[in-house]
């Protein structure tokens, strides 16, 4: 499963500044959009190396901004359909839409497993597990099982 390493473990250094691409974003859309692009880029680069960064890591060590700003940026990116794979999002820690909910939403939208895997940065095994659990819960709900009984479905 991805995301078992922390940022303090070995991580290949990547350049935060993407050069001309960043300059173009900054000149067309401003600093906030540039910060959001960097936030998405660096968290996805870390994720590709099996590392999940915390919002605190990104805020204080990489973007030199507050955690509150990072949270606001993650919310803005999510509204545009960009998933930011931070430790909290991947481990279902804290508020926000669970990646499980996002997986089900994408299945309902008739996306393929490959498209979901690419969008959410989750393994095919995890995606299938989320869908199976959702299907079981939906079946039990339809058949009038009580919430207390359904709560223990895996």
N, C-alpha and C. Protein backbone atom coordinates (compact mmCIF):
# COMPACT_ATOMS: atom_id res chain seq x y z
N UNK A 1 0.84 -1.19 0.00
CA UNK A 1 0.00 0.00 0.00
C UNK A 1 0.88 1.24 0.00
N UNK A 2 0.48 2.22 -0.76
CA UNK A 2 1.24 3.46 -0.83
C UNK A 2 1.07 4.27 0.44
N UNK A 3 2.05 5.14 0.68
CA UNK A 3 1.89 6.11 1.75
C UNK A 3 2.35 5.64 3.10
N UNK A 4 3.12 4.57 3.18
CA UNK A 4 3.58 4.11 4.47
C UNK A 4 4.79 4.88 4.98
N UNK A 5 5.56 5.48 4.09
CA UNK A 5 6.72 6.25 4.49
C UNK A 5 6.29 7.66 4.89
N UNK A 6 7.08 8.25 5.76
CA UNK A 6 6.82 9.65 6.12
C UNK A 6 7.83 10.51 5.40
N UNK A 7 7.61 11.82 5.46
CA UNK A 7 8.50 12.75 4.76
C UNK A 7 9.91 12.70 5.30
N UNK A 8 10.07 12.28 6.56
CA UNK A 8 11.41 12.24 7.13
C UNK A 8 12.23 11.08 6.57
N UNK A 9 11.58 10.13 5.92
CA UNK A 9 12.30 9.04 5.29
C UNK A 9 12.83 9.51 3.94
N UNK A 10 13.66 8.70 3.32
CA UNK A 10 14.34 9.11 2.09
C UNK A 10 13.35 9.54 1.01
N UNK A 11 13.57 10.73 0.50
CA UNK A 11 12.73 11.31 -0.55
C UNK A 11 13.65 11.98 -1.54
N UNK A 12 13.54 11.57 -2.80
CA UNK A 12 14.36 12.21 -3.82
C UNK A 12 13.96 13.67 -3.95
N UNK A 13 14.94 14.54 -3.87
CA UNK A 13 14.66 15.97 -3.94
C UNK A 13 14.13 16.34 -5.32
N UNK A 14 13.10 17.13 -5.33
CA UNK A 14 12.53 17.65 -6.57
C UNK A 14 12.58 19.17 -6.49
N UNK A 15 12.64 19.78 -7.63
CA UNK A 15 12.66 21.24 -7.66
C UNK A 15 11.26 21.77 -7.46
N UNK A 16 11.11 22.65 -6.50
CA UNK A 16 9.81 23.25 -6.24
C UNK A 16 9.44 24.21 -7.36
N UNK A 17 10.44 24.84 -7.94
CA UNK A 17 10.22 25.82 -9.00
C UNK A 17 10.28 25.11 -10.35
N UNK A 18 9.18 25.16 -11.10
CA UNK A 18 9.13 24.50 -12.41
C UNK A 18 9.53 25.44 -13.54
N UNK A 19 10.23 26.51 -13.20
CA UNK A 19 10.76 27.40 -14.22
C UNK A 19 9.70 28.16 -15.00
N UNK A 20 9.77 28.04 -16.33
CA UNK A 20 8.87 28.79 -17.21
C UNK A 20 7.40 28.50 -16.93
N UNK A 21 7.10 27.26 -16.64
CA UNK A 21 5.70 26.89 -16.35
C UNK A 21 5.18 27.68 -15.14
N UNK A 22 6.00 27.76 -14.09
CA UNK A 22 5.60 28.52 -12.90
C UNK A 22 5.48 30.01 -13.20
N UNK A 23 6.40 30.54 -13.98
CA UNK A 23 6.34 31.97 -14.33
C UNK A 23 5.07 32.28 -15.10
N UNK A 24 4.69 31.37 -15.99
CA UNK A 24 3.47 31.56 -16.77
C UNK A 24 2.24 31.55 -15.87
N UNK A 25 2.19 30.62 -14.94
CA UNK A 25 1.07 30.55 -13.99
C UNK A 25 1.01 31.81 -13.15
N UNK A 26 2.17 32.24 -12.66
CA UNK A 26 2.21 33.44 -11.81
C UNK A 26 1.75 34.68 -12.57
N UNK A 27 2.24 34.86 -13.79
CA UNK A 27 1.88 36.07 -14.54
C UNK A 27 0.41 36.06 -14.97
N UNK A 28 -0.14 34.90 -15.30
CA UNK A 28 -1.53 34.83 -15.76
C UNK A 28 -2.54 34.80 -14.61
N UNK A 29 -2.19 34.08 -13.53
CA UNK A 29 -3.20 33.82 -12.50
C UNK A 29 -2.85 34.32 -11.10
N UNK A 30 -1.61 34.70 -10.86
CA UNK A 30 -1.24 35.24 -9.56
C UNK A 30 -0.55 34.25 -8.63
N UNK A 31 -0.13 34.78 -7.49
CA UNK A 31 0.66 34.00 -6.53
C UNK A 31 -0.13 32.86 -5.88
N UNK A 32 -1.39 33.10 -5.57
CA UNK A 32 -2.19 32.06 -4.91
C UNK A 32 -2.30 30.82 -5.81
N UNK A 33 -2.56 31.03 -7.09
CA UNK A 33 -2.67 29.91 -8.03
C UNK A 33 -1.32 29.22 -8.21
N UNK A 34 -0.24 30.00 -8.21
CA UNK A 34 1.10 29.41 -8.29
C UNK A 34 1.35 28.51 -7.08
N UNK A 35 1.01 29.00 -5.90
CA UNK A 35 1.21 28.21 -4.67
C UNK A 35 0.39 26.92 -4.75
N UNK A 36 -0.84 27.01 -5.25
CA UNK A 36 -1.69 25.82 -5.37
C UNK A 36 -1.10 24.82 -6.37
N UNK A 37 -0.57 25.32 -7.47
CA UNK A 37 0.06 24.44 -8.46
C UNK A 37 1.26 23.73 -7.85
N UNK A 38 2.05 24.47 -7.10
CA UNK A 38 3.22 23.87 -6.44
C UNK A 38 2.78 22.85 -5.39
N UNK A 39 1.74 23.17 -4.64
CA UNK A 39 1.20 22.26 -3.63
C UNK A 39 0.80 20.94 -4.28
N UNK A 40 0.04 21.01 -5.35
CA UNK A 40 -0.39 19.80 -6.05
C UNK A 40 0.81 19.04 -6.61
N UNK A 41 1.74 19.77 -7.22
CA UNK A 41 2.91 19.13 -7.85
C UNK A 41 3.77 18.40 -6.82
N UNK A 42 4.11 19.06 -5.73
CA UNK A 42 5.03 18.47 -4.77
C UNK A 42 4.39 17.29 -4.02
N UNK A 43 3.10 17.37 -3.72
CA UNK A 43 2.47 16.25 -3.04
C UNK A 43 2.33 15.04 -3.96
N UNK A 44 2.08 15.29 -5.24
CA UNK A 44 2.01 14.17 -6.19
C UNK A 44 3.39 13.57 -6.45
N UNK A 45 4.42 14.40 -6.49
CA UNK A 45 5.78 13.88 -6.67
C UNK A 45 6.17 13.02 -5.47
N UNK A 46 5.83 13.46 -4.28
CA UNK A 46 6.11 12.68 -3.07
C UNK A 46 5.33 11.37 -3.11
N UNK A 47 4.06 11.47 -3.47
CA UNK A 47 3.19 10.28 -3.54
C UNK A 47 3.75 9.26 -4.52
N UNK A 48 4.27 9.72 -5.65
CA UNK A 48 4.86 8.82 -6.64
C UNK A 48 6.06 8.07 -6.08
N UNK A 49 6.65 8.62 -4.99
CA UNK A 49 7.80 7.98 -4.34
C UNK A 49 7.37 7.25 -3.07
N UNK A 50 6.07 6.98 -2.94
CA UNK A 50 5.51 6.28 -1.77
C UNK A 50 5.67 7.06 -0.47
N UNK A 51 5.64 8.37 -0.56
CA UNK A 51 5.72 9.23 0.63
C UNK A 51 4.48 10.10 0.66
N UNK A 52 3.87 10.19 1.84
CA UNK A 52 2.75 11.12 1.98
C UNK A 52 3.18 12.24 2.91
N UNK A 53 3.09 13.44 2.42
CA UNK A 53 3.47 14.62 3.20
C UNK A 53 2.29 15.07 4.05
N UNK A 54 2.59 15.64 5.20
CA UNK A 54 1.52 16.24 6.00
C UNK A 54 1.31 17.67 5.53
N UNK A 55 0.17 18.23 5.87
CA UNK A 55 -0.08 19.62 5.53
C UNK A 55 0.94 20.52 6.23
N UNK A 56 1.36 20.13 7.42
CA UNK A 56 2.38 20.89 8.15
C UNK A 56 3.72 20.88 7.42
N UNK A 57 4.10 19.70 6.89
CA UNK A 57 5.35 19.59 6.11
C UNK A 57 5.33 20.56 4.94
N UNK A 58 4.24 20.53 4.20
CA UNK A 58 4.12 21.35 3.00
C UNK A 58 4.13 22.83 3.35
N UNK A 59 3.37 23.19 4.38
CA UNK A 59 3.25 24.61 4.75
C UNK A 59 4.58 25.18 5.23
N UNK A 60 5.16 24.55 6.25
CA UNK A 60 6.34 25.16 6.88
C UNK A 60 7.64 24.88 6.15
N UNK A 61 7.79 23.71 5.56
CA UNK A 61 9.07 23.34 4.97
C UNK A 61 9.18 23.61 3.48
N UNK A 62 8.05 23.67 2.79
CA UNK A 62 8.12 23.79 1.33
C UNK A 62 7.55 25.09 0.79
N UNK A 63 6.39 25.51 1.28
CA UNK A 63 5.74 26.68 0.70
C UNK A 63 5.86 27.94 1.55
N UNK A 64 6.43 27.81 2.74
CA UNK A 64 6.61 28.96 3.64
C UNK A 64 5.31 29.74 3.84
N UNK A 65 4.27 29.01 4.19
CA UNK A 65 2.99 29.64 4.48
C UNK A 65 2.37 28.92 5.68
N UNK A 66 1.21 29.33 6.08
CA UNK A 66 0.56 28.71 7.23
C UNK A 66 -0.18 27.44 6.82
N UNK A 67 -0.42 26.58 7.80
CA UNK A 67 -1.20 25.37 7.57
C UNK A 67 -2.61 25.76 7.12
N UNK A 68 -3.12 26.83 7.69
CA UNK A 68 -4.45 27.31 7.31
C UNK A 68 -4.51 27.64 5.81
N UNK A 69 -3.45 28.25 5.30
CA UNK A 69 -3.39 28.57 3.87
C UNK A 69 -3.38 27.30 3.03
N UNK A 70 -2.61 26.31 3.47
CA UNK A 70 -2.55 25.03 2.75
C UNK A 70 -3.92 24.36 2.74
N UNK A 71 -4.60 24.38 3.88
CA UNK A 71 -5.95 23.78 3.95
C UNK A 71 -6.90 24.50 3.00
N UNK A 72 -6.82 25.81 2.96
CA UNK A 72 -7.66 26.61 2.06
C UNK A 72 -7.35 26.27 0.60
N UNK A 73 -6.05 26.13 0.30
CA UNK A 73 -5.64 25.78 -1.07
C UNK A 73 -6.12 24.38 -1.46
N UNK A 74 -6.04 23.44 -0.54
CA UNK A 74 -6.50 22.07 -0.81
C UNK A 74 -8.00 22.08 -1.11
N UNK A 75 -8.74 22.87 -0.35
CA UNK A 75 -10.19 22.98 -0.58
C UNK A 75 -10.47 23.59 -1.95
N UNK A 76 -9.73 24.63 -2.31
CA UNK A 76 -9.91 25.28 -3.62
C UNK A 76 -9.57 24.32 -4.75
N UNK A 77 -8.50 23.56 -4.59
CA UNK A 77 -8.12 22.58 -5.61
C UNK A 77 -9.17 21.48 -5.73
N UNK A 78 -9.70 21.04 -4.60
CA UNK A 78 -10.73 19.99 -4.62
C UNK A 78 -11.97 20.44 -5.39
N UNK A 79 -12.32 21.71 -5.25
CA UNK A 79 -13.47 22.24 -5.99
C UNK A 79 -13.24 22.18 -7.50
N UNK A 80 -11.97 22.19 -7.90
CA UNK A 80 -11.63 22.10 -9.32
C UNK A 80 -11.34 20.65 -9.73
N UNK A 81 -11.57 19.72 -8.81
CA UNK A 81 -11.38 18.31 -9.12
C UNK A 81 -9.96 17.80 -8.96
N UNK A 82 -9.10 18.59 -8.31
CA UNK A 82 -7.71 18.19 -8.10
C UNK A 82 -7.57 17.62 -6.70
N UNK A 83 -7.18 16.37 -6.61
CA UNK A 83 -6.96 15.72 -5.33
C UNK A 83 -5.52 15.96 -4.90
N UNK A 84 -5.33 16.40 -3.67
CA UNK A 84 -4.00 16.65 -3.13
C UNK A 84 -3.71 15.53 -2.12
N UNK A 85 -2.81 14.61 -2.46
CA UNK A 85 -2.58 13.45 -1.60
C UNK A 85 -1.70 13.74 -0.38
N UNK A 86 -2.30 14.32 0.65
CA UNK A 86 -1.57 14.54 1.90
C UNK A 86 -1.84 13.37 2.84
N UNK A 87 -1.08 13.28 3.88
CA UNK A 87 -1.23 12.17 4.82
C UNK A 87 -2.65 12.09 5.39
N UNK A 88 -3.21 13.22 5.76
CA UNK A 88 -4.57 13.23 6.31
C UNK A 88 -5.60 12.74 5.31
N UNK A 89 -5.47 13.16 4.07
CA UNK A 89 -6.42 12.75 3.04
C UNK A 89 -6.30 11.26 2.75
N UNK A 90 -5.09 10.75 2.69
CA UNK A 90 -4.88 9.34 2.37
C UNK A 90 -5.27 8.41 3.50
N UNK A 91 -5.16 8.89 4.73
CA UNK A 91 -5.46 8.05 5.90
C UNK A 91 -6.83 8.34 6.48
N UNK A 92 -7.63 9.16 5.79
CA UNK A 92 -8.96 9.56 6.27
C UNK A 92 -8.88 10.21 7.65
N UNK A 93 -7.91 11.09 7.82
CA UNK A 93 -7.75 11.82 9.07
C UNK A 93 -8.32 13.21 8.87
N UNK A 94 -9.15 13.62 9.78
CA UNK A 94 -9.65 14.99 9.73
C UNK A 94 -10.83 15.17 8.80
N UNK A 95 -11.28 16.43 8.66
CA UNK A 95 -12.47 16.71 7.87
C UNK A 95 -12.18 16.62 6.38
N UNK A 96 -13.23 16.64 5.61
CA UNK A 96 -13.09 16.60 4.16
C UNK A 96 -13.68 15.33 3.61
N UNK A 97 -13.84 15.31 2.30
CA UNK A 97 -14.40 14.13 1.66
C UNK A 97 -13.38 13.01 1.67
N UNK A 98 -13.81 11.87 2.10
CA UNK A 98 -12.97 10.69 2.11
C UNK A 98 -12.67 10.26 0.68
N UNK A 99 -11.49 9.70 0.48
CA UNK A 99 -11.17 9.17 -0.84
C UNK A 99 -12.11 8.01 -1.18
N UNK A 100 -12.70 7.38 -0.17
CA UNK A 100 -13.67 6.32 -0.41
C UNK A 100 -14.93 6.91 -1.05
N UNK A 101 -15.37 8.04 -0.53
CA UNK A 101 -16.54 8.73 -1.10
C UNK A 101 -16.23 9.16 -2.53
N UNK A 102 -15.04 9.69 -2.74
CA UNK A 102 -14.65 10.13 -4.08
C UNK A 102 -14.62 8.95 -5.05
N UNK A 103 -14.15 7.80 -4.58
CA UNK A 103 -14.11 6.60 -5.43
C UNK A 103 -15.52 6.21 -5.87
N UNK A 104 -16.44 6.17 -4.92
CA UNK A 104 -17.82 5.81 -5.25
C UNK A 104 -18.43 6.83 -6.21
N UNK A 105 -18.18 8.11 -5.96
CA UNK A 105 -18.70 9.15 -6.85
C UNK A 105 -18.21 8.94 -8.28
N UNK A 106 -16.93 8.62 -8.42
CA UNK A 106 -16.37 8.41 -9.76
C UNK A 106 -16.93 7.15 -10.43
N UNK A 107 -17.18 6.11 -9.65
CA UNK A 107 -17.80 4.90 -10.20
C UNK A 107 -19.20 5.22 -10.70
N UNK A 108 -19.95 5.98 -9.91
CA UNK A 108 -21.31 6.38 -10.30
C UNK A 108 -21.27 7.21 -11.58
N UNK A 109 -20.19 7.99 -11.75
CA UNK A 109 -20.02 8.78 -12.98
C UNK A 109 -19.51 7.92 -14.14
N UNK A 110 -19.41 6.60 -13.91
CA UNK A 110 -19.02 5.63 -14.92
C UNK A 110 -17.56 5.77 -15.37
N UNK A 111 -16.70 6.19 -14.45
CA UNK A 111 -15.27 6.24 -14.73
C UNK A 111 -14.70 4.82 -14.63
N UNK A 112 -13.64 4.55 -15.37
CA UNK A 112 -13.00 3.24 -15.30
C UNK A 112 -12.10 3.17 -14.08
N UNK A 113 -11.73 1.95 -13.71
CA UNK A 113 -10.81 1.78 -12.58
C UNK A 113 -9.50 2.52 -12.85
N UNK A 114 -9.03 2.44 -14.08
CA UNK A 114 -7.78 3.12 -14.44
C UNK A 114 -7.90 4.63 -14.27
N UNK A 115 -9.02 5.19 -14.69
CA UNK A 115 -9.24 6.64 -14.53
C UNK A 115 -9.29 7.02 -13.05
N UNK A 116 -9.95 6.19 -12.25
CA UNK A 116 -10.05 6.46 -10.81
C UNK A 116 -8.68 6.36 -10.16
N UNK A 117 -7.93 5.34 -10.53
CA UNK A 117 -6.58 5.14 -10.00
C UNK A 117 -5.71 6.35 -10.30
N UNK A 118 -5.80 6.85 -11.51
CA UNK A 118 -5.01 8.01 -11.93
C UNK A 118 -5.46 9.28 -11.20
N UNK A 119 -6.76 9.47 -11.06
CA UNK A 119 -7.31 10.67 -10.44
C UNK A 119 -7.01 10.73 -8.95
N UNK A 120 -7.26 9.62 -8.25
CA UNK A 120 -7.15 9.62 -6.79
C UNK A 120 -5.79 9.16 -6.27
N UNK A 121 -4.96 8.62 -7.16
CA UNK A 121 -3.65 8.12 -6.75
C UNK A 121 -3.78 6.99 -5.72
N UNK A 122 -4.72 6.09 -5.98
CA UNK A 122 -4.90 4.93 -5.12
C UNK A 122 -4.71 3.67 -5.93
N UNK A 123 -4.33 2.60 -5.24
CA UNK A 123 -4.10 1.33 -5.93
C UNK A 123 -5.42 0.73 -6.39
N UNK A 124 -5.32 -0.12 -7.40
CA UNK A 124 -6.49 -0.81 -7.91
C UNK A 124 -7.12 -1.68 -6.82
N UNK A 125 -6.29 -2.30 -6.00
CA UNK A 125 -6.78 -3.13 -4.90
C UNK A 125 -7.62 -2.31 -3.93
N UNK A 126 -7.14 -1.13 -3.56
CA UNK A 126 -7.88 -0.27 -2.63
C UNK A 126 -9.19 0.19 -3.26
N UNK A 127 -9.16 0.57 -4.52
CA UNK A 127 -10.37 1.04 -5.20
C UNK A 127 -11.43 -0.06 -5.22
N UNK A 128 -11.02 -1.28 -5.56
CA UNK A 128 -11.97 -2.39 -5.59
C UNK A 128 -12.53 -2.68 -4.20
N UNK A 129 -11.69 -2.54 -3.18
CA UNK A 129 -12.14 -2.76 -1.80
C UNK A 129 -13.20 -1.73 -1.41
N UNK A 130 -12.98 -0.45 -1.76
CA UNK A 130 -13.95 0.60 -1.44
C UNK A 130 -15.29 0.32 -2.12
N UNK A 131 -15.23 -0.09 -3.38
CA UNK A 131 -16.46 -0.35 -4.14
C UNK A 131 -17.19 -1.57 -3.57
N UNK A 132 -16.44 -2.60 -3.20
CA UNK A 132 -17.06 -3.79 -2.61
C UNK A 132 -17.75 -3.44 -1.29
N UNK A 133 -17.08 -2.68 -0.44
CA UNK A 133 -17.68 -2.27 0.84
C UNK A 133 -18.94 -1.44 0.59
N UNK A 134 -18.86 -0.48 -0.33
CA UNK A 134 -20.03 0.33 -0.65
C UNK A 134 -21.18 -0.54 -1.14
N UNK A 135 -20.88 -1.51 -1.99
CA UNK A 135 -21.92 -2.39 -2.53
C UNK A 135 -22.58 -3.20 -1.42
N UNK A 136 -21.79 -3.69 -0.49
CA UNK A 136 -22.34 -4.45 0.63
C UNK A 136 -23.26 -3.58 1.49
N UNK A 137 -22.80 -2.37 1.79
CA UNK A 137 -23.60 -1.45 2.60
C UNK A 137 -24.89 -1.09 1.88
N UNK A 138 -24.81 -0.82 0.59
CA UNK A 138 -26.00 -0.48 -0.19
C UNK A 138 -26.99 -1.65 -0.18
N UNK A 139 -26.47 -2.86 -0.37
CA UNK A 139 -27.33 -4.05 -0.36
C UNK A 139 -28.03 -4.21 0.98
N UNK A 140 -27.28 -4.11 2.06
CA UNK A 140 -27.85 -4.28 3.40
C UNK A 140 -28.85 -3.18 3.73
N UNK A 141 -28.56 -1.96 3.29
CA UNK A 141 -29.49 -0.85 3.50
C UNK A 141 -30.79 -1.11 2.75
N UNK A 142 -30.67 -1.53 1.52
CA UNK A 142 -31.85 -1.84 0.70
C UNK A 142 -32.69 -2.96 1.33
N UNK A 143 -32.03 -3.88 2.00
CA UNK A 143 -32.73 -5.00 2.63
C UNK A 143 -33.07 -4.72 4.09
N UNK A 144 -33.07 -3.46 4.45
CA UNK A 144 -33.55 -2.96 5.74
C UNK A 144 -32.79 -3.48 6.96
N UNK A 145 -31.49 -3.69 6.81
CA UNK A 145 -30.68 -4.00 7.98
C UNK A 145 -30.53 -2.73 8.81
N UNK A 146 -30.36 -2.90 10.09
CA UNK A 146 -30.21 -1.75 10.98
C UNK A 146 -28.79 -1.18 10.84
N UNK A 147 -28.68 0.11 11.11
CA UNK A 147 -27.39 0.79 11.01
C UNK A 147 -26.35 0.12 11.90
N UNK A 148 -26.75 -0.31 13.08
CA UNK A 148 -25.81 -0.97 14.00
C UNK A 148 -25.26 -2.27 13.41
N UNK A 149 -26.06 -2.95 12.62
CA UNK A 149 -25.60 -4.18 11.97
C UNK A 149 -24.68 -3.86 10.79
N UNK A 150 -25.04 -2.85 10.04
CA UNK A 150 -24.27 -2.47 8.86
C UNK A 150 -22.91 -1.90 9.24
N UNK A 151 -22.82 -1.27 10.39
CA UNK A 151 -21.58 -0.60 10.82
C UNK A 151 -20.38 -1.54 10.86
N UNK A 152 -20.61 -2.82 10.97
CA UNK A 152 -19.50 -3.76 11.10
C UNK A 152 -19.14 -4.47 9.80
N UNK A 153 -19.71 -4.03 8.71
CA UNK A 153 -19.42 -4.61 7.40
C UNK A 153 -18.01 -4.23 6.98
N UNK A 154 -17.28 -5.19 6.46
CA UNK A 154 -15.94 -4.90 5.93
C UNK A 154 -15.87 -5.28 4.49
